[in-house]
Amino acid sequence: MAYRLLADAVLVLHGAFILFAVLGGLWVLRRPRWIWLHLPAVLWAGFIELSGGICPLTPLENRLRVLGGAGAYRGDFIDRYLMSWIYPDELTRGTQIVLGLLVIAFNAFLYGLIWTRIRRR
């Protein structure tokens, strides 16, 4: 039971990290000091998506699920939990690249706004 709870905690952490990487730039607009935490998160998320890698949280969650008596899943977090809601087909490499580029482009736009604000002061 403890392993399943830990796996669920990793799942929640993983989801929170993705939300922070994608939308954290909005928070940085209001709290610029968060840039030092958000920028590495965006770079990591973009790297994982563009390289086709799997975040280390995915194998950790799978391992904890196996230890808790449940089965592991194939693919990555986005394929398992997010893509099934957004897209009916499996995550393709092309879609993964587009998602990575969208995360980077959206946050680059937000960082451009932040930079403009800083320069005006």
N, C-alpha and C. Protein backbone atom coordinates (compact mmCIF):
# COMPACT_ATOMS: atom_id res chain seq x y z
N MET A 1 0.82 -1.19 0.00
CA MET A 1 0.00 0.00 0.00
C MET A 1 0.87 1.27 0.00
N ALA A 2 1.97 1.24 0.74
CA ALA A 2 2.85 2.41 0.81
C ALA A 2 3.45 2.72 -0.55
N TYR A 3 3.81 1.68 -1.30
CA TYR A 3 4.40 1.90 -2.62
C TYR A 3 3.40 2.54 -3.57
N ARG A 4 2.15 2.11 -3.49
CA ARG A 4 1.13 2.71 -4.34
C ARG A 4 0.91 4.18 -4.00
N LEU A 5 0.93 4.51 -2.71
CA LEU A 5 0.80 5.90 -2.30
C LEU A 5 1.99 6.73 -2.78
N LEU A 6 3.18 6.15 -2.69
CA LEU A 6 4.36 6.84 -3.19
C LEU A 6 4.28 7.04 -4.70
N ALA A 7 3.80 6.02 -5.41
CA ALA A 7 3.63 6.14 -6.87
C ALA A 7 2.64 7.25 -7.20
N ASP A 8 1.55 7.33 -6.44
CA ASP A 8 0.57 8.40 -6.66
C ASP A 8 1.18 9.76 -6.35
N ALA A 9 2.02 9.84 -5.33
CA ALA A 9 2.69 11.10 -5.00
C ALA A 9 3.63 11.53 -6.13
N VAL A 10 4.34 10.55 -6.72
CA VAL A 10 5.22 10.86 -7.86
C VAL A 10 4.38 11.34 -9.03
N LEU A 11 3.23 10.72 -9.24
CA LEU A 11 2.31 11.12 -10.31
C LEU A 11 1.87 12.58 -10.12
N VAL A 12 1.49 12.94 -8.91
CA VAL A 12 1.06 14.31 -8.62
C VAL A 12 2.22 15.28 -8.83
N LEU A 13 3.40 14.91 -8.34
CA LEU A 13 4.59 15.74 -8.52
C LEU A 13 4.90 15.94 -10.00
N HIS A 14 4.79 14.87 -10.77
CA HIS A 14 5.05 14.92 -12.21
C HIS A 14 4.07 15.88 -12.89
N GLY A 15 2.81 15.75 -12.56
CA GLY A 15 1.81 16.64 -13.13
C GLY A 15 2.04 18.09 -12.75
N ALA A 16 2.40 18.33 -11.49
CA ALA A 16 2.69 19.69 -11.02
C ALA A 16 3.90 20.26 -11.75
N PHE A 17 4.92 19.43 -11.96
CA PHE A 17 6.10 19.90 -12.68
C PHE A 17 5.74 20.31 -14.11
N ILE A 18 4.93 19.50 -14.78
CA ILE A 18 4.53 19.82 -16.16
C ILE A 18 3.74 21.12 -16.19
N LEU A 19 2.81 21.28 -15.28
CA LEU A 19 2.05 22.54 -15.22
C LEU A 19 2.98 23.72 -14.97
N PHE A 20 3.93 23.55 -14.07
CA PHE A 20 4.87 24.63 -13.77
C PHE A 20 5.74 24.94 -14.98
N ALA A 21 6.20 23.91 -15.68
CA ALA A 21 7.05 24.14 -16.85
C ALA A 21 6.27 24.85 -17.96
N VAL A 22 5.03 24.46 -18.15
CA VAL A 22 4.24 25.05 -19.24
C VAL A 22 3.69 26.43 -18.87
N LEU A 23 3.13 26.55 -17.68
CA LEU A 23 2.43 27.79 -17.32
C LEU A 23 3.16 28.65 -16.29
N GLY A 24 4.28 28.17 -15.79
CA GLY A 24 5.01 28.91 -14.76
C GLY A 24 5.48 30.28 -15.19
N GLY A 25 5.64 30.49 -16.48
CA GLY A 25 6.03 31.80 -16.98
C GLY A 25 5.01 32.86 -16.61
N LEU A 26 3.75 32.47 -16.50
CA LEU A 26 2.72 33.41 -16.06
C LEU A 26 2.97 33.84 -14.61
N TRP A 27 3.42 32.90 -13.80
CA TRP A 27 3.77 33.20 -12.41
C TRP A 27 5.00 34.11 -12.37
N VAL A 28 5.96 33.85 -13.23
CA VAL A 28 7.19 34.64 -13.27
C VAL A 28 6.88 36.09 -13.68
N LEU A 29 5.85 36.29 -14.49
CA LEU A 29 5.43 37.65 -14.83
C LEU A 29 5.12 38.47 -13.58
N ARG A 30 4.52 37.83 -12.60
CA ARG A 30 4.15 38.51 -11.35
C ARG A 30 5.24 38.44 -10.30
N ARG A 31 6.02 37.38 -10.33
CA ARG A 31 7.08 37.16 -9.35
C ARG A 31 8.38 36.83 -10.08
N PRO A 32 9.09 37.84 -10.60
CA PRO A 32 10.28 37.60 -11.43
C PRO A 32 11.37 36.77 -10.76
N ARG A 33 11.43 36.75 -9.45
CA ARG A 33 12.47 35.97 -8.78
C ARG A 33 12.32 34.46 -9.00
N TRP A 34 11.16 34.02 -9.40
CA TRP A 34 10.92 32.60 -9.67
C TRP A 34 11.58 32.14 -10.97
N ILE A 35 12.12 33.07 -11.72
CA ILE A 35 12.75 32.72 -13.00
C ILE A 35 13.85 31.67 -12.80
N TRP A 36 14.56 31.74 -11.68
CA TRP A 36 15.67 30.83 -11.43
C TRP A 36 15.20 29.39 -11.20
N LEU A 37 13.96 29.21 -10.84
CA LEU A 37 13.39 27.87 -10.72
C LEU A 37 12.66 27.47 -12.01
N HIS A 38 11.99 28.45 -12.62
CA HIS A 38 11.19 28.14 -13.79
C HIS A 38 12.02 27.89 -15.05
N LEU A 39 13.03 28.69 -15.28
CA LEU A 39 13.82 28.54 -16.50
C LEU A 39 14.44 27.14 -16.63
N PRO A 40 15.06 26.58 -15.58
CA PRO A 40 15.55 25.21 -15.72
C PRO A 40 14.43 24.19 -15.98
N ALA A 41 13.26 24.44 -15.40
CA ALA A 41 12.12 23.53 -15.62
C ALA A 41 11.70 23.55 -17.09
N VAL A 42 11.63 24.74 -17.68
CA VAL A 42 11.27 24.86 -19.10
C VAL A 42 12.32 24.19 -19.98
N LEU A 43 13.57 24.44 -19.67
CA LEU A 43 14.64 23.85 -20.47
C LEU A 43 14.62 22.32 -20.37
N TRP A 44 14.40 21.81 -19.18
CA TRP A 44 14.34 20.35 -18.99
C TRP A 44 13.15 19.77 -19.76
N ALA A 45 11.98 20.39 -19.60
CA ALA A 45 10.78 19.88 -20.28
C ALA A 45 10.96 19.93 -21.79
N GLY A 46 11.51 21.02 -22.29
CA GLY A 46 11.76 21.12 -23.73
C GLY A 46 12.76 20.08 -24.20
N PHE A 47 13.82 19.87 -23.42
CA PHE A 47 14.83 18.88 -23.79
C PHE A 47 14.23 17.48 -23.84
N ILE A 48 13.46 17.12 -22.83
CA ILE A 48 12.84 15.79 -22.79
C ILE A 48 11.93 15.58 -23.99
N GLU A 49 11.11 16.58 -24.30
CA GLU A 49 10.19 16.45 -25.42
C GLU A 49 10.92 16.40 -26.76
N LEU A 50 11.88 17.28 -26.96
CA LEU A 50 12.56 17.35 -28.25
C LEU A 50 13.52 16.19 -28.47
N SER A 51 14.09 15.66 -27.39
CA SER A 51 15.04 14.55 -27.53
C SER A 51 14.33 13.20 -27.60
N GLY A 52 13.04 13.18 -27.26
CA GLY A 52 12.31 11.92 -27.24
C GLY A 52 12.60 11.10 -26.00
N GLY A 53 13.19 11.73 -25.02
CA GLY A 53 13.53 11.04 -23.78
C GLY A 53 12.32 10.84 -22.89
N ILE A 54 12.56 10.15 -21.80
CA ILE A 54 11.53 9.91 -20.80
C ILE A 54 12.02 10.52 -19.50
N CYS A 55 11.19 11.31 -18.88
CA CYS A 55 11.54 11.93 -17.60
C CYS A 55 11.81 10.84 -16.57
N PRO A 56 12.81 11.01 -15.72
CA PRO A 56 13.13 10.01 -14.70
C PRO A 56 11.98 9.73 -13.73
N LEU A 57 11.02 10.62 -13.64
CA LEU A 57 9.88 10.36 -12.76
C LEU A 57 9.00 9.22 -13.28
N THR A 58 8.97 9.01 -14.58
CA THR A 58 8.14 7.95 -15.15
C THR A 58 8.63 6.57 -14.72
N PRO A 59 9.92 6.22 -14.90
CA PRO A 59 10.37 4.91 -14.42
C PRO A 59 10.25 4.78 -12.89
N LEU A 60 10.43 5.87 -12.16
CA LEU A 60 10.27 5.82 -10.71
C LEU A 60 8.84 5.46 -10.35
N GLU A 61 7.89 6.12 -10.98
CA GLU A 61 6.48 5.81 -10.72
C GLU A 61 6.18 4.36 -11.08
N ASN A 62 6.65 3.91 -12.24
CA ASN A 62 6.42 2.52 -12.66
C ASN A 62 7.00 1.53 -11.66
N ARG A 63 8.22 1.79 -11.21
CA ARG A 63 8.88 0.89 -10.25
C ARG A 63 8.08 0.83 -8.95
N LEU A 64 7.63 1.96 -8.47
CA LEU A 64 6.83 1.98 -7.24
C LEU A 64 5.51 1.24 -7.43
N ARG A 65 4.91 1.36 -8.60
CA ARG A 65 3.66 0.64 -8.86
C ARG A 65 3.89 -0.87 -8.88
N VAL A 66 4.99 -1.30 -9.49
CA VAL A 66 5.31 -2.73 -9.51
C VAL A 66 5.55 -3.23 -8.09
N LEU A 67 6.32 -2.48 -7.31
CA LEU A 67 6.57 -2.87 -5.92
C LEU A 67 5.28 -2.91 -5.11
N GLY A 68 4.31 -2.09 -5.49
CA GLY A 68 3.02 -2.08 -4.80
C GLY A 68 2.04 -3.11 -5.32
N GLY A 69 2.47 -3.94 -6.28
CA GLY A 69 1.62 -5.02 -6.78
C GLY A 69 0.81 -4.66 -8.01
N ALA A 70 0.97 -3.46 -8.54
CA ALA A 70 0.25 -3.06 -9.76
C ALA A 70 1.19 -3.21 -10.95
N GLY A 71 0.66 -3.09 -12.14
CA GLY A 71 1.47 -3.19 -13.34
C GLY A 71 2.02 -1.84 -13.76
N ALA A 72 3.16 -1.86 -14.40
CA ALA A 72 3.75 -0.65 -14.96
C ALA A 72 3.07 -0.35 -16.29
N TYR A 73 3.24 0.85 -16.78
CA TYR A 73 2.69 1.21 -18.09
C TYR A 73 3.82 1.52 -19.05
N ARG A 74 3.50 1.43 -20.33
CA ARG A 74 4.48 1.72 -21.38
C ARG A 74 4.37 3.18 -21.77
N GLY A 75 5.42 3.72 -22.34
CA GLY A 75 5.40 5.11 -22.78
C GLY A 75 5.81 6.05 -21.66
N ASP A 76 5.47 7.32 -21.85
CA ASP A 76 5.84 8.31 -20.85
C ASP A 76 4.59 8.93 -20.23
N PHE A 77 4.80 9.83 -19.30
CA PHE A 77 3.73 10.47 -18.56
C PHE A 77 2.73 11.15 -19.49
N ILE A 78 3.24 11.90 -20.44
CA ILE A 78 2.35 12.64 -21.34
C ILE A 78 1.49 11.66 -22.15
N ASP A 79 2.10 10.61 -22.65
CA ASP A 79 1.36 9.61 -23.43
C ASP A 79 0.28 8.96 -22.57
N ARG A 80 0.61 8.60 -21.36
CA ARG A 80 -0.31 7.85 -20.50
C ARG A 80 -1.45 8.71 -19.95
N TYR A 81 -1.12 9.89 -19.44
CA TYR A 81 -2.11 10.67 -18.71
C TYR A 81 -2.68 11.86 -19.47
N LEU A 82 -1.88 12.55 -20.26
CA LEU A 82 -2.36 13.77 -20.91
C LEU A 82 -2.85 13.54 -22.32
N MET A 83 -2.09 12.78 -23.11
CA MET A 83 -2.46 12.62 -24.52
C MET A 83 -3.79 11.89 -24.67
N SER A 84 -4.11 11.00 -23.76
CA SER A 84 -5.39 10.29 -23.86
C SER A 84 -6.56 11.25 -23.70
N TRP A 85 -6.35 12.37 -23.02
CA TRP A 85 -7.40 13.38 -22.88
C TRP A 85 -7.43 14.32 -24.07
N ILE A 86 -6.26 14.65 -24.59
CA ILE A 86 -6.17 15.68 -25.62
C ILE A 86 -6.28 15.09 -27.02
N TYR A 87 -5.58 14.00 -27.25
CA TYR A 87 -5.54 13.38 -28.58
C TYR A 87 -5.98 11.93 -28.48
N PRO A 88 -6.81 11.47 -29.42
CA PRO A 88 -7.28 10.09 -29.36
C PRO A 88 -6.22 9.05 -29.75
N ASP A 89 -5.26 9.42 -30.57
CA ASP A 89 -4.23 8.47 -31.01
C ASP A 89 -3.06 8.48 -30.03
N GLU A 90 -2.17 7.51 -30.20
CA GLU A 90 -0.97 7.45 -29.36
C GLU A 90 -0.06 8.63 -29.65
N LEU A 91 0.79 8.93 -28.70
CA LEU A 91 1.76 10.01 -28.87
C LEU A 91 2.76 9.62 -29.95
N THR A 92 2.87 10.46 -30.96
CA THR A 92 3.84 10.20 -32.02
C THR A 92 5.05 11.10 -31.79
N ARG A 93 6.12 10.77 -32.43
CA ARG A 93 7.35 11.56 -32.30
C ARG A 93 7.12 12.99 -32.80
N GLY A 94 6.40 13.12 -33.90
CA GLY A 94 6.11 14.45 -34.42
C GLY A 94 5.29 15.29 -33.45
N THR A 95 4.29 14.68 -32.82
CA THR A 95 3.48 15.39 -31.83
C THR A 95 4.33 15.78 -30.63
N GLN A 96 5.21 14.90 -30.23
CA GLN A 96 6.08 15.19 -29.10
C GLN A 96 6.98 16.40 -29.40
N ILE A 97 7.50 16.47 -30.60
CA ILE A 97 8.33 17.62 -31.00
C ILE A 97 7.51 18.90 -31.00
N VAL A 98 6.31 18.83 -31.54
CA VAL A 98 5.44 20.02 -31.56
C VAL A 98 5.14 20.48 -30.13
N LEU A 99 4.83 19.55 -29.23
CA LEU A 99 4.56 19.93 -27.84
C LEU A 99 5.77 20.60 -27.21
N GLY A 100 6.95 20.04 -27.43
CA GLY A 100 8.17 20.63 -26.90
C GLY A 100 8.39 22.03 -27.43
N LEU A 101 8.19 22.23 -28.72
CA LEU A 101 8.36 23.55 -29.31
C LEU A 101 7.33 24.55 -28.81
N LEU A 102 6.10 24.08 -28.59
CA LEU A 102 5.06 24.96 -28.06
C LEU A 102 5.38 25.42 -26.64
N VAL A 103 5.88 24.51 -25.82
CA VAL A 103 6.26 24.88 -24.45
C VAL A 103 7.36 25.94 -24.50
N ILE A 104 8.36 25.71 -25.32
CA ILE A 104 9.48 26.66 -25.41
C ILE A 104 9.01 27.99 -26.00
N ALA A 105 8.20 27.96 -27.06
CA ALA A 105 7.74 29.20 -27.70
C ALA A 105 6.85 30.02 -26.77
N PHE A 106 5.93 29.36 -26.10
CA PHE A 106 5.03 30.06 -25.18
C PHE A 106 5.83 30.75 -24.07
N ASN A 107 6.77 30.02 -23.50
CA ASN A 107 7.55 30.59 -22.42
C ASN A 107 8.56 31.62 -22.92
N ALA A 108 9.07 31.48 -24.14
CA ALA A 108 9.94 32.50 -24.71
C ALA A 108 9.16 33.80 -24.89
N PHE A 109 7.92 33.69 -25.31
CA PHE A 109 7.06 34.87 -25.42
C PHE A 109 6.89 35.54 -24.06
N LEU A 110 6.59 34.74 -23.04
CA LEU A 110 6.42 35.30 -21.70
C LEU A 110 7.71 35.94 -21.19
N TYR A 111 8.84 35.29 -21.44
CA TYR A 111 10.12 35.85 -21.01
C TYR A 111 10.44 37.14 -21.78
N GLY A 112 9.98 37.24 -23.00
CA GLY A 112 10.12 38.49 -23.74
C GLY A 112 9.34 39.61 -23.07
N LEU A 113 8.14 39.30 -22.60
CA LEU A 113 7.35 40.29 -21.86
C LEU A 113 8.06 40.69 -20.57
N ILE A 114 8.60 39.72 -19.88
CA ILE A 114 9.33 40.00 -18.63
C ILE A 114 10.53 40.88 -18.91
N TRP A 115 11.28 40.56 -19.95
CA TRP A 115 12.48 41.34 -20.31
C TRP A 115 12.09 42.78 -20.65
N THR A 116 11.00 42.94 -21.37
CA THR A 116 10.52 44.28 -21.72
C THR A 116 10.17 45.07 -20.47
N ARG A 117 9.50 44.43 -19.52
CA ARG A 117 9.17 45.10 -18.25
C ARG A 117 10.41 45.53 -17.50
N ILE A 118 11.39 44.66 -17.45
CA ILE A 118 12.64 44.96 -16.73
C ILE A 118 13.35 46.13 -17.38
N ARG A 119 13.42 46.15 -18.69
CA ARG A 119 14.12 47.22 -19.40
C ARG A 119 13.42 48.56 -19.24
N ARG A 120 12.11 48.56 -19.11
CA ARG A 120 11.35 49.81 -18.94
C ARG A 120 11.63 50.44 -17.58
N ARG A 121 11.96 49.63 -16.60
CA ARG A 121 12.21 50.14 -15.24
C ARG A 121 13.54 50.75 -15.23
